[in-house]
Amino acid sequence: MTDVPRPADTRTLHIVALVLTVLSAVAFFTLTGGVIDYLIMIACAGAAVLFSIRGVLRAGTLRWVVLAGGIVATLLLVTSLGLFVIRVTRVLSSDAPL
C-alpha cells in the first residue's frame, strides 16, 4: 500500500484549512481584546497556519486557495502575537484589567 492520499482526503484537508482560516479571521475581528481573547486568536490562527501548510503540500483543486488562506492566517497570527505581547506588557506594567 502506498501513502498517496485519495482526492477526497485532500479535498477535506483543504476545506478544513479554509474553515480554520475563516474562523481565525472571525475571532480576530469579533473578540474584544483581553489577554484570554488574544490567546484564543493565537490558537485559531496557529491551527489555521498548520493546516494550511499541510494543505499546500498536497496536490488538489483548492491548493491555491489554501495558499492564500495560509498567507492570511499567518498575517493574523503575527498580528495577534504582537497585540498579545503589547497587552501582556500593559497588564504587567500597570493595574490594567486582564
N, C-alpha and C. Protein backbone atom coordinates (compact mmCIF):
# COMPACT_ATOMS: atom_id res chain seq x y z
N MET A 1 0.84 -1.17 0.00
CA MET A 1 0.00 0.00 0.00
C MET A 1 0.89 1.24 0.00
N THR A 2 0.44 2.24 -0.70
CA THR A 2 1.21 3.48 -0.77
C THR A 2 0.59 4.52 0.14
N ASP A 3 1.36 5.56 0.40
CA ASP A 3 0.89 6.65 1.27
C ASP A 3 0.27 7.80 0.46
N VAL A 4 -0.08 7.56 -0.78
CA VAL A 4 -0.67 8.61 -1.61
C VAL A 4 -2.11 8.85 -1.14
N PRO A 5 -2.45 10.10 -0.77
CA PRO A 5 -3.81 10.35 -0.28
C PRO A 5 -4.82 10.30 -1.41
N ARG A 6 -6.02 9.89 -1.09
CA ARG A 6 -7.11 9.91 -2.06
C ARG A 6 -7.55 11.34 -2.27
N PRO A 7 -8.15 11.65 -3.42
CA PRO A 7 -8.60 13.03 -3.67
C PRO A 7 -9.59 13.54 -2.63
N ALA A 8 -10.46 12.67 -2.12
CA ALA A 8 -11.43 13.12 -1.12
C ALA A 8 -10.73 13.53 0.17
N ASP A 9 -9.67 12.83 0.55
CA ASP A 9 -8.92 13.20 1.75
C ASP A 9 -8.24 14.55 1.57
N THR A 10 -7.69 14.79 0.40
CA THR A 10 -7.04 16.06 0.13
C THR A 10 -8.05 17.20 0.13
N ARG A 11 -9.19 16.96 -0.49
CA ARG A 11 -10.23 17.99 -0.53
C ARG A 11 -10.71 18.31 0.89
N THR A 12 -10.87 17.29 1.71
CA THR A 12 -11.30 17.51 3.09
C THR A 12 -10.27 18.32 3.86
N LEU A 13 -9.00 18.00 3.68
CA LEU A 13 -7.93 18.75 4.34
C LEU A 13 -7.94 20.21 3.89
N HIS A 14 -8.15 20.45 2.60
CA HIS A 14 -8.19 21.82 2.10
C HIS A 14 -9.38 22.58 2.66
N ILE A 15 -10.51 21.94 2.74
CA ILE A 15 -11.70 22.60 3.28
C ILE A 15 -11.54 22.90 4.76
N VAL A 16 -10.94 21.98 5.51
CA VAL A 16 -10.69 22.23 6.93
C VAL A 16 -9.74 23.41 7.11
N ALA A 17 -8.72 23.50 6.28
CA ALA A 17 -7.78 24.63 6.35
C ALA A 17 -8.49 25.94 6.06
N LEU A 18 -9.38 25.94 5.09
CA LEU A 18 -10.12 27.16 4.76
C LEU A 18 -11.08 27.55 5.87
N VAL A 19 -11.76 26.57 6.46
CA VAL A 19 -12.69 26.86 7.56
C VAL A 19 -11.92 27.42 8.76
N LEU A 20 -10.76 26.86 9.05
CA LEU A 20 -9.96 27.37 10.17
C LEU A 20 -9.47 28.79 9.89
N THR A 21 -9.15 29.10 8.65
CA THR A 21 -8.73 30.46 8.31
C THR A 21 -9.88 31.44 8.51
N VAL A 22 -11.07 31.06 8.06
CA VAL A 22 -12.24 31.93 8.26
C VAL A 22 -12.54 32.07 9.75
N LEU A 23 -12.42 30.98 10.50
CA LEU A 23 -12.65 31.04 11.95
C LEU A 23 -11.65 31.97 12.63
N SER A 24 -10.39 31.93 12.21
CA SER A 24 -9.40 32.81 12.82
C SER A 24 -9.66 34.27 12.47
N ALA A 25 -10.14 34.53 11.26
CA ALA A 25 -10.48 35.91 10.88
C ALA A 25 -11.69 36.41 11.68
N VAL A 26 -12.68 35.56 11.85
CA VAL A 26 -13.86 35.93 12.65
C VAL A 26 -13.46 36.19 14.10
N ALA A 27 -12.62 35.33 14.65
CA ALA A 27 -12.16 35.52 16.03
C ALA A 27 -11.36 36.82 16.15
N PHE A 28 -10.54 37.12 15.17
CA PHE A 28 -9.72 38.32 15.22
C PHE A 28 -10.57 39.59 15.22
N PHE A 29 -11.62 39.60 14.42
CA PHE A 29 -12.41 40.81 14.28
C PHE A 29 -13.58 40.92 15.26
N THR A 30 -13.90 39.85 15.98
CA THR A 30 -15.05 39.92 16.89
C THR A 30 -14.68 39.92 18.37
N LEU A 31 -13.56 39.34 18.74
CA LEU A 31 -13.20 39.32 20.15
C LEU A 31 -12.73 40.69 20.61
N THR A 32 -12.94 40.97 21.89
CA THR A 32 -12.74 42.33 22.39
C THR A 32 -11.28 42.73 22.56
N GLY A 33 -10.41 41.85 22.98
CA GLY A 33 -9.00 42.21 23.06
C GLY A 33 -8.35 42.06 24.41
N GLY A 34 -8.84 41.17 25.26
CA GLY A 34 -8.16 40.88 26.51
C GLY A 34 -7.08 39.84 26.30
N VAL A 35 -6.38 39.50 27.35
CA VAL A 35 -5.30 38.51 27.26
C VAL A 35 -5.86 37.16 26.81
N ILE A 36 -6.96 36.73 27.38
CA ILE A 36 -7.56 35.45 27.02
C ILE A 36 -8.05 35.48 25.57
N ASP A 37 -8.62 36.60 25.16
CA ASP A 37 -9.09 36.74 23.78
C ASP A 37 -7.93 36.62 22.79
N TYR A 38 -6.80 37.23 23.12
CA TYR A 38 -5.65 37.13 22.23
C TYR A 38 -5.11 35.70 22.19
N LEU A 39 -5.17 34.98 23.30
CA LEU A 39 -4.75 33.58 23.29
C LEU A 39 -5.66 32.74 22.41
N ILE A 40 -6.95 33.03 22.43
CA ILE A 40 -7.89 32.32 21.54
C ILE A 40 -7.57 32.63 20.09
N MET A 41 -7.30 33.90 19.79
CA MET A 41 -6.95 34.30 18.43
C MET A 41 -5.67 33.60 17.97
N ILE A 42 -4.69 33.52 18.85
CA ILE A 42 -3.42 32.86 18.51
C ILE A 42 -3.64 31.38 18.25
N ALA A 43 -4.47 30.73 19.07
CA ALA A 43 -4.73 29.31 18.88
C ALA A 43 -5.45 29.04 17.55
N CYS A 44 -6.44 29.86 17.25
CA CYS A 44 -7.19 29.68 15.99
C CYS A 44 -6.29 29.92 14.78
N ALA A 45 -5.53 31.00 14.81
CA ALA A 45 -4.65 31.31 13.68
C ALA A 45 -3.52 30.30 13.56
N GLY A 46 -3.00 29.83 14.68
CA GLY A 46 -1.94 28.81 14.64
C GLY A 46 -2.42 27.51 14.03
N ALA A 47 -3.63 27.09 14.40
CA ALA A 47 -4.20 25.88 13.81
C ALA A 47 -4.44 26.07 12.32
N ALA A 48 -4.90 27.26 11.93
CA ALA A 48 -5.12 27.53 10.51
C ALA A 48 -3.82 27.51 9.73
N VAL A 49 -2.76 28.04 10.30
CA VAL A 49 -1.46 28.03 9.62
C VAL A 49 -0.95 26.59 9.47
N LEU A 50 -1.06 25.79 10.52
CA LEU A 50 -0.58 24.41 10.44
C LEU A 50 -1.36 23.60 9.40
N PHE A 51 -2.68 23.73 9.38
CA PHE A 51 -3.46 23.01 8.40
C PHE A 51 -3.23 23.55 6.99
N SER A 52 -2.98 24.83 6.87
CA SER A 52 -2.69 25.40 5.56
C SER A 52 -1.37 24.88 5.01
N ILE A 53 -0.39 24.75 5.87
CA ILE A 53 0.90 24.19 5.43
C ILE A 53 0.71 22.76 4.94
N ARG A 54 -0.04 21.97 5.71
CA ARG A 54 -0.31 20.59 5.29
C ARG A 54 -1.11 20.56 4.00
N GLY A 55 -2.05 21.50 3.84
CA GLY A 55 -2.87 21.53 2.64
C GLY A 55 -2.11 21.95 1.40
N VAL A 56 -1.17 22.86 1.55
CA VAL A 56 -0.39 23.34 0.41
C VAL A 56 0.56 22.25 -0.07
N LEU A 57 1.01 21.41 0.83
CA LEU A 57 1.94 20.35 0.44
C LEU A 57 1.27 19.22 -0.34
N ARG A 58 -0.06 19.18 -0.36
CA ARG A 58 -0.77 18.13 -1.08
C ARG A 58 -1.46 18.73 -2.30
N ALA A 59 -1.39 18.02 -3.38
CA ALA A 59 -2.00 18.49 -4.63
C ALA A 59 -3.52 18.40 -4.54
N GLY A 60 -4.16 19.29 -5.24
CA GLY A 60 -5.62 19.29 -5.28
C GLY A 60 -6.13 20.55 -5.96
N THR A 61 -7.44 20.59 -6.17
CA THR A 61 -8.03 21.73 -6.87
C THR A 61 -8.06 22.99 -6.03
N LEU A 62 -8.07 22.85 -4.72
CA LEU A 62 -8.14 24.01 -3.83
C LEU A 62 -6.78 24.44 -3.29
N ARG A 63 -5.71 23.96 -3.88
CA ARG A 63 -4.37 24.21 -3.35
C ARG A 63 -4.04 25.70 -3.31
N TRP A 64 -4.35 26.46 -4.36
CA TRP A 64 -4.01 27.88 -4.40
C TRP A 64 -4.87 28.69 -3.47
N VAL A 65 -6.09 28.26 -3.28
CA VAL A 65 -6.97 28.95 -2.33
C VAL A 65 -6.45 28.72 -0.91
N VAL A 66 -5.99 27.52 -0.63
CA VAL A 66 -5.41 27.23 0.69
C VAL A 66 -4.13 28.02 0.90
N LEU A 67 -3.36 28.22 -0.16
CA LEU A 67 -2.15 29.05 -0.05
C LEU A 67 -2.51 30.48 0.32
N ALA A 68 -3.51 31.03 -0.32
CA ALA A 68 -3.95 32.40 0.01
C ALA A 68 -4.49 32.46 1.43
N GLY A 69 -5.26 31.45 1.83
CA GLY A 69 -5.76 31.39 3.19
C GLY A 69 -4.64 31.25 4.21
N GLY A 70 -3.61 30.50 3.85
CA GLY A 70 -2.46 30.36 4.74
C GLY A 70 -1.71 31.66 4.94
N ILE A 71 -1.62 32.45 3.89
CA ILE A 71 -0.97 33.77 4.00
C ILE A 71 -1.79 34.67 4.90
N VAL A 72 -3.10 34.66 4.73
CA VAL A 72 -3.97 35.48 5.59
C VAL A 72 -3.87 35.00 7.04
N ALA A 73 -3.89 33.68 7.25
CA ALA A 73 -3.80 33.14 8.61
C ALA A 73 -2.46 33.49 9.25
N THR A 74 -1.39 33.48 8.47
CA THR A 74 -0.08 33.85 9.00
C THR A 74 -0.05 35.31 9.42
N LEU A 75 -0.64 36.18 8.61
CA LEU A 75 -0.71 37.59 8.98
C LEU A 75 -1.55 37.80 10.24
N LEU A 76 -2.65 37.07 10.35
CA LEU A 76 -3.47 37.16 11.57
C LEU A 76 -2.71 36.64 12.78
N LEU A 77 -1.93 35.58 12.60
CA LEU A 77 -1.15 35.03 13.71
C LEU A 77 -0.09 36.02 14.18
N VAL A 78 0.63 36.62 13.25
CA VAL A 78 1.67 37.58 13.62
C VAL A 78 1.07 38.80 14.31
N THR A 79 -0.06 39.28 13.78
CA THR A 79 -0.72 40.43 14.39
C THR A 79 -1.24 40.10 15.78
N SER A 80 -1.84 38.93 15.93
CA SER A 80 -2.35 38.51 17.25
C SER A 80 -1.22 38.36 18.25
N LEU A 81 -0.10 37.79 17.82
CA LEU A 81 1.05 37.67 18.72
C LEU A 81 1.57 39.03 19.15
N GLY A 82 1.65 39.97 18.23
CA GLY A 82 2.10 41.32 18.56
C GLY A 82 1.16 42.01 19.53
N LEU A 83 -0.14 41.90 19.27
CA LEU A 83 -1.12 42.51 20.18
C LEU A 83 -1.12 41.84 21.55
N PHE A 84 -0.87 40.52 21.57
CA PHE A 84 -0.78 39.80 22.84
C PHE A 84 0.41 40.30 23.66
N VAL A 85 1.54 40.47 23.01
CA VAL A 85 2.72 40.97 23.71
C VAL A 85 2.47 42.37 24.25
N ILE A 86 1.83 43.21 23.48
CA ILE A 86 1.52 44.56 23.94
C ILE A 86 0.57 44.52 25.13
N ARG A 87 -0.47 43.69 25.06
CA ARG A 87 -1.44 43.60 26.16
C ARG A 87 -0.79 43.06 27.43
N VAL A 88 0.04 42.03 27.31
CA VAL A 88 0.71 41.47 28.49
C VAL A 88 1.65 42.50 29.09
N THR A 89 2.35 43.25 28.25
CA THR A 89 3.24 44.30 28.75
C THR A 89 2.47 45.36 29.51
N ARG A 90 1.31 45.74 28.97
CA ARG A 90 0.49 46.75 29.65
C ARG A 90 -0.06 46.23 30.97
N VAL A 91 -0.46 44.96 30.99
CA VAL A 91 -1.00 44.38 32.22
C VAL A 91 0.08 44.28 33.29
N LEU A 92 1.27 43.87 32.89
CA LEU A 92 2.34 43.70 33.87
C LEU A 92 2.93 45.03 34.34
N SER A 93 2.82 46.07 33.53
CA SER A 93 3.41 47.35 33.93
C SER A 93 2.43 48.30 34.60
N SER A 94 1.16 47.95 34.65
CA SER A 94 0.19 48.83 35.28
C SER A 94 -0.90 47.98 35.94
N ASP A 95 -1.93 48.66 36.39
CA ASP A 95 -3.04 47.97 37.02
C ASP A 95 -4.18 47.73 36.05
N ALA A 96 -3.86 47.55 34.78
CA ALA A 96 -4.90 47.32 33.78
C ALA A 96 -5.55 45.96 33.99
N PRO A 97 -6.83 45.85 33.73
CA PRO A 97 -7.50 44.55 33.92
C PRO A 97 -7.08 43.55 32.85
N LEU A 98 -7.22 42.28 33.17
CA LEU A 98 -6.93 41.23 32.20
C LEU A 98 -7.95 41.26 31.10
